[in-house]
Structure formats: structure tokens, C-alpha cells
Amino acid sequence: MDWERVPADTMVVESKNIMLKDVVQAAADGVDTPEGLQEKFGLEEGVAGTENFQPILDVFLPAIERLRSGSCGGG
């Protein structure tokens, strides 16, 4: 899935109603590993959808870091 292009309300972990916006917010709050996300959301390893955590982090952590550093590429 192209996580950069899906709506923020896309379900990531359906059994717990965790949406993409929840995962991105957790990343913005400093959770930067799949294990950290599992802990934050109270999930056991292997819960359907948790396999998406790393690909989501791969997309959004660099963007979050660019925003924090002020080098988001604007003119």
C-alpha cells in the first residue's frame, strides 16, 4: 500500500480501530519503532495490521523529521 497517498482515516489495525492518523500522531509524539507502536496501542505481536507499522514509519518519520528541522523543502 502507498501509505503516503491513502486517507488519514484508513484503518491500519481494524480489530482495535487504529487508523493511519493515529499511527502518524504516535510517530509525531516520538514513537519511532513498530514495537513502540505495539506497546503504545496495547497490541500483542502478530495482531493483524501491525505488519503495516514499519512501512508507515518508513514513510512518515522522514517527513516528521523534515518538519521538525524546518527543512521541509519549501521555497
C-alpha atoms as a PDB file:
ATOM      1  CA  MET A   1       0.000   0.000   0.000  1.00  0.00           C
ATOM      2  CA  ASP A   2       1.171   3.513  -0.741  1.00  0.00           C
ATOM      3  CA  TRP A   3       0.795   4.942   2.764  1.00  0.00           C
ATOM      4  CA  GLU A   4       1.705   8.405   1.558  1.00  0.00           C
ATOM      5  CA  ARG A   5      -1.423   8.598  -0.585  1.00  0.00           C
ATOM      6  CA  VAL A   6      -4.149   6.924   1.465  1.00  0.00           C
ATOM      7  CA  PRO A   7      -6.633   8.955   3.550  1.00  0.00           C
ATOM      8  CA  ALA A   8      -5.790   9.608   7.190  1.00  0.00           C
ATOM      9  CA  ASP A   9      -8.838   7.632   8.301  1.00  0.00           C
ATOM     10  CA  THR A  10      -7.611   4.450   6.599  1.00  0.00           C
ATOM     11  CA  MET A  11      -7.857   1.558   9.056  1.00  0.00           C
ATOM     12  CA  VAL A  12      -4.465   0.072   9.946  1.00  0.00           C
ATOM     13  CA  VAL A  13      -5.423  -2.294  12.782  1.00  0.00           C
ATOM     14  CA  GLU A  14      -9.100  -2.973  12.262  1.00  0.00           C
ATOM     15  CA  SER A  15      -9.598  -5.073  15.402  1.00  0.00           C
ATOM     16  CA  LYS A  16      -8.617  -2.073  17.559  1.00  0.00           C
ATOM     17  CA  ASN A  17      -9.954   0.732  15.327  1.00  0.00           C
ATOM     18  CA  ILE A  18      -6.456   2.172  14.863  1.00  0.00           C
ATOM     19  CA  MET A  19      -6.290   4.458  11.848  1.00  0.00           C
ATOM     20  CA  LEU A  20      -3.361   5.823   9.893  1.00  0.00           C
ATOM     21  CA  LYS A  21      -3.790   9.206  11.594  1.00  0.00           C
ATOM     22  CA  ASP A  22      -3.370   7.502  14.997  1.00  0.00           C
ATOM     23  CA  VAL A  23      -0.119   5.854  13.939  1.00  0.00           C
ATOM     24  CA  VAL A  24       1.225   9.078  12.414  1.00  0.00           C
ATOM     25  CA  GLN A  25       0.291  11.038  15.549  1.00  0.00           C
ATOM     26  CA  ALA A  26       2.113   8.492  17.711  1.00  0.00           C
ATOM     27  CA  ALA A  27       5.158   8.859  15.458  1.00  0.00           C
ATOM     28  CA  ALA A  28       4.954  12.643  15.751  1.00  0.00           C
ATOM     29  CA  ASP A  29       4.811  12.192  19.529  1.00  0.00           C
ATOM     30  CA  GLY A  30       8.108  10.287  19.418  1.00  0.00           C
ATOM     31  CA  VAL A  31       7.199   6.620  18.964  1.00  0.00           C
ATOM     32  CA  ASP A  32       9.628   5.551  16.259  1.00  0.00           C
ATOM     33  CA  THR A  33       9.589   1.737  16.205  1.00  0.00           C
ATOM     34  CA  PRO A  34       6.955  -0.894  15.418  1.00  0.00           C
ATOM     35  CA  GLU A  35       7.493  -2.318  18.900  1.00  0.00           C
ATOM     36  CA  GLY A  36       6.903   1.088  20.426  1.00  0.00           C
ATOM     37  CA  LEU A  37       3.662   1.421  18.479  1.00  0.00           C
ATOM     38  CA  GLN A  38       2.534  -2.022  19.628  1.00  0.00           C
ATOM     39  CA  GLU A  39       3.212  -1.001  23.215  1.00  0.00           C
ATOM     40  CA  LYS A  40       1.501   2.384  22.841  1.00  0.00           C
ATOM     41  CA  PHE A  41      -1.632   0.786  21.421  1.00  0.00           C
ATOM     42  CA  GLY A  42      -1.560  -2.229  23.750  1.00  0.00           C
ATOM     43  CA  LEU A  43      -1.155  -4.762  20.967  1.00  0.00           C
ATOM     44  CA  GLU A  44       0.375  -8.209  21.015  1.00  0.00           C
ATOM     45  CA  GLU A  45       2.905  -9.125  18.344  1.00  0.00           C
ATOM     46  CA  GLY A  46       1.249 -10.639  15.306  1.00  0.00           C
ATOM     47  CA  VAL A  47      -2.074  -8.788  15.563  1.00  0.00           C
ATOM     48  CA  ALA A  48      -3.410  -8.271  12.035  1.00  0.00           C
ATOM     49  CA  GLY A  49      -2.332  -4.859  10.778  1.00  0.00           C
ATOM     50  CA  THR A  50       0.788  -4.447  12.904  1.00  0.00           C
ATOM     51  CA  GLU A  51       2.848  -5.562   9.901  1.00  0.00           C
ATOM     52  CA  ASN A  52       1.982  -2.134   8.454  1.00  0.00           C
ATOM     53  CA  PHE A  53       3.715  -0.212  11.232  1.00  0.00           C
ATOM     54  CA  GLN A  54       7.219  -0.332   9.744  1.00  0.00           C
ATOM     55  CA  PRO A  55       6.158   0.714   6.228  1.00  0.00           C
ATOM     56  CA  ILE A  56       4.139   3.584   7.712  1.00  0.00           C
ATOM     57  CA  LEU A  57       7.094   4.692   9.839  1.00  0.00           C
ATOM     58  CA  ASP A  58       9.364   4.442   6.788  1.00  0.00           C
ATOM     59  CA  VAL A  59       7.145   6.975   5.008  1.00  0.00           C
ATOM     60  CA  PHE A  60       6.256   9.362   7.810  1.00  0.00           C
ATOM     61  CA  LEU A  61       9.297   9.528  10.116  1.00  0.00           C
ATOM     62  CA  PRO A  62      11.465  11.272   7.488  1.00  0.00           C
ATOM     63  CA  ALA A  63       8.654  13.759   6.809  1.00  0.00           C
ATOM     64  CA  ILE A  64       8.197  14.424  10.522  1.00  0.00           C
ATOM     65  CA  GLU A  65      11.938  14.955  10.911  1.00  0.00           C
ATOM     66  CA  ARG A  66      11.996  17.402   7.985  1.00  0.00           C
ATOM     67  CA  LEU A  67       9.163  19.380   9.571  1.00  0.00           C
ATOM     68  CA  ARG A  68      10.910  19.466  12.936  1.00  0.00           C
ATOM     69  CA  SER A  69      14.177  20.651  11.414  1.00  0.00           C
ATOM     70  CA  GLY A  70      12.463  23.334   9.364  1.00  0.00           C
ATOM     71  CA  SER A  71      13.782  21.937   6.092  1.00  0.00           C
ATOM     72  CA  CYS A  72      10.573  20.757   4.535  1.00  0.00           C
ATOM     73  CA  GLY A  73      11.710  21.803   1.079  1.00  0.00           C
ATOM     74  CA  GLY A  74       9.559  24.903   0.708  1.00  0.00           C
ATOM     75  CA  GLY A  75      10.700  27.945  -1.226  1.00  0.00           C
END
